[in-house]
């Protein structure tokens, strides 16, 4: 959460262009943890275990993971767009 907040503030304060790199890293870290949490819960259920809040817990964690992955993909796009706007025409990214 601290990394997400820092990334958002850094990007907002970086003028004249936004700097989404830190935010991209934060979303990547969040998406990776969500991925791990989702499949840990799935594995636990497959082994016959139960979750504290039942299948609703798995659904909420899975939806949050999908949202984090979507934000990560969007932030990758913003990093690429930011890099291409800052480089001279024809220069490699």
Protein backbone atom coordinates (compact mmCIF):
# COMPACT_ATOMS: atom_id res chain seq x y z
CA UNK A 1 0.00 0.00 0.00
CA UNK A 2 2.84 2.37 0.80
CA UNK A 3 4.46 1.63 -2.56
CA UNK A 4 1.17 2.31 -4.37
CA UNK A 5 0.72 5.61 -2.53
CA UNK A 6 4.33 6.64 -3.17
CA UNK A 7 4.03 5.71 -6.85
CA UNK A 8 0.82 7.68 -7.28
CA UNK A 9 2.21 10.78 -5.56
CA UNK A 10 5.48 10.55 -7.49
CA UNK A 11 3.62 10.30 -10.79
CA UNK A 12 1.35 13.22 -9.97
CA UNK A 13 4.24 15.46 -8.91
CA UNK A 14 6.52 14.63 -11.86
CA UNK A 15 5.89 17.52 -14.17
CA UNK A 16 5.69 18.32 -17.03
CA UNK A 17 5.23 14.59 -17.76
CA UNK A 18 3.80 11.88 -15.50
CA UNK A 19 6.21 9.23 -14.26
CA UNK A 20 4.23 5.97 -14.02
CA UNK A 21 7.24 3.66 -13.52
CA UNK A 22 7.00 3.47 -9.72
CA UNK A 23 3.24 2.96 -9.93
CA UNK A 24 3.80 0.16 -12.46
CA UNK A 25 6.15 -1.59 -10.06
CA UNK A 26 3.66 -1.22 -7.22
CA UNK A 27 0.83 -2.71 -9.28
CA UNK A 28 3.10 -5.54 -10.40
CA UNK A 29 3.94 -6.36 -6.77
CA UNK A 30 0.25 -6.15 -5.79
CA UNK A 31 -0.84 -8.35 -8.71
CA UNK A 32 1.82 -10.95 -7.86
CA UNK A 33 0.69 -11.11 -4.23
CA UNK A 34 -2.93 -11.35 -5.32
CA UNK A 35 -2.05 -14.17 -7.71
CA UNK A 36 -0.30 -16.04 -4.91
CA UNK A 37 -3.16 -15.45 -2.49
CA UNK A 38 -5.78 -16.60 -5.00
CA UNK A 39 -4.03 -19.84 -5.84
CA UNK A 40 -3.06 -20.56 -2.23
CA UNK A 41 -6.74 -20.43 -1.37
CA UNK A 42 -7.67 -22.55 -4.40
CA UNK A 43 -5.05 -25.13 -3.45
CA UNK A 44 -6.26 -25.17 0.15
CA UNK A 45 -9.82 -25.84 -1.02
CA UNK A 46 -8.64 -28.54 -3.45
CA UNK A 47 -6.88 -30.29 -0.56
CA UNK A 48 -10.21 -30.46 1.30
CA UNK A 49 -9.64 -27.49 3.57
CA UNK A 50 -12.03 -24.68 4.37
CA UNK A 51 -11.61 -20.92 4.27
CA UNK A 52 -12.50 -18.61 7.13
CA UNK A 53 -15.16 -16.84 5.04
CA UNK A 54 -16.02 -19.66 2.66
CA UNK A 55 -16.08 -19.37 -1.10
CA UNK A 56 -16.90 -15.65 -0.83
CA UNK A 57 -13.33 -15.15 0.40
CA UNK A 58 -11.94 -16.80 -2.71
CA UNK A 59 -14.25 -14.76 -4.95
CA UNK A 60 -13.24 -11.45 -3.39
CA UNK A 61 -9.53 -12.26 -3.55
CA UNK A 62 -9.83 -13.44 -7.17
CA UNK A 63 -11.73 -10.28 -8.21
CA UNK A 64 -9.18 -8.06 -6.47
CA UNK A 65 -6.40 -9.95 -8.29
CA UNK A 66 -8.07 -9.43 -11.66
CA UNK A 67 -8.41 -5.72 -10.87
CA UNK A 68 -4.73 -5.48 -9.85
CA UNK A 69 -3.64 -7.28 -13.03
CA UNK A 70 -5.77 -4.88 -15.09
CA UNK A 71 -4.19 -1.89 -13.37
CA UNK A 72 -0.75 -3.42 -13.94
CA UNK A 73 -1.41 -3.82 -17.67
CA UNK A 74 -2.68 -0.23 -17.86
CA UNK A 75 0.39 1.05 -16.01
CA UNK A 76 2.68 -0.86 -18.40
CA UNK A 77 0.91 0.90 -21.26
CA UNK A 78 1.43 4.26 -19.53
CA UNK A 79 5.14 3.56 -19.03
CA UNK A 80 5.55 2.67 -22.71
CA UNK A 81 3.55 5.72 -23.78
CA UNK A 82 5.54 7.99 -21.46
CA UNK A 83 8.84 6.59 -22.75
CA UNK A 84 7.82 7.00 -26.40
CA UNK A 85 6.67 10.60 -25.88
CA UNK A 86 9.98 11.51 -24.30
CA UNK A 87 12.25 9.95 -26.91
CA UNK A 88 13.14 11.57 -30.24
CA UNK A 89 11.34 10.35 -33.36
CA UNK A 90 12.74 7.06 -34.54
CA UNK A 91 14.71 6.38 -31.36
CA UNK A 92 14.32 2.89 -29.89
CA UNK A 93 12.36 2.48 -26.68
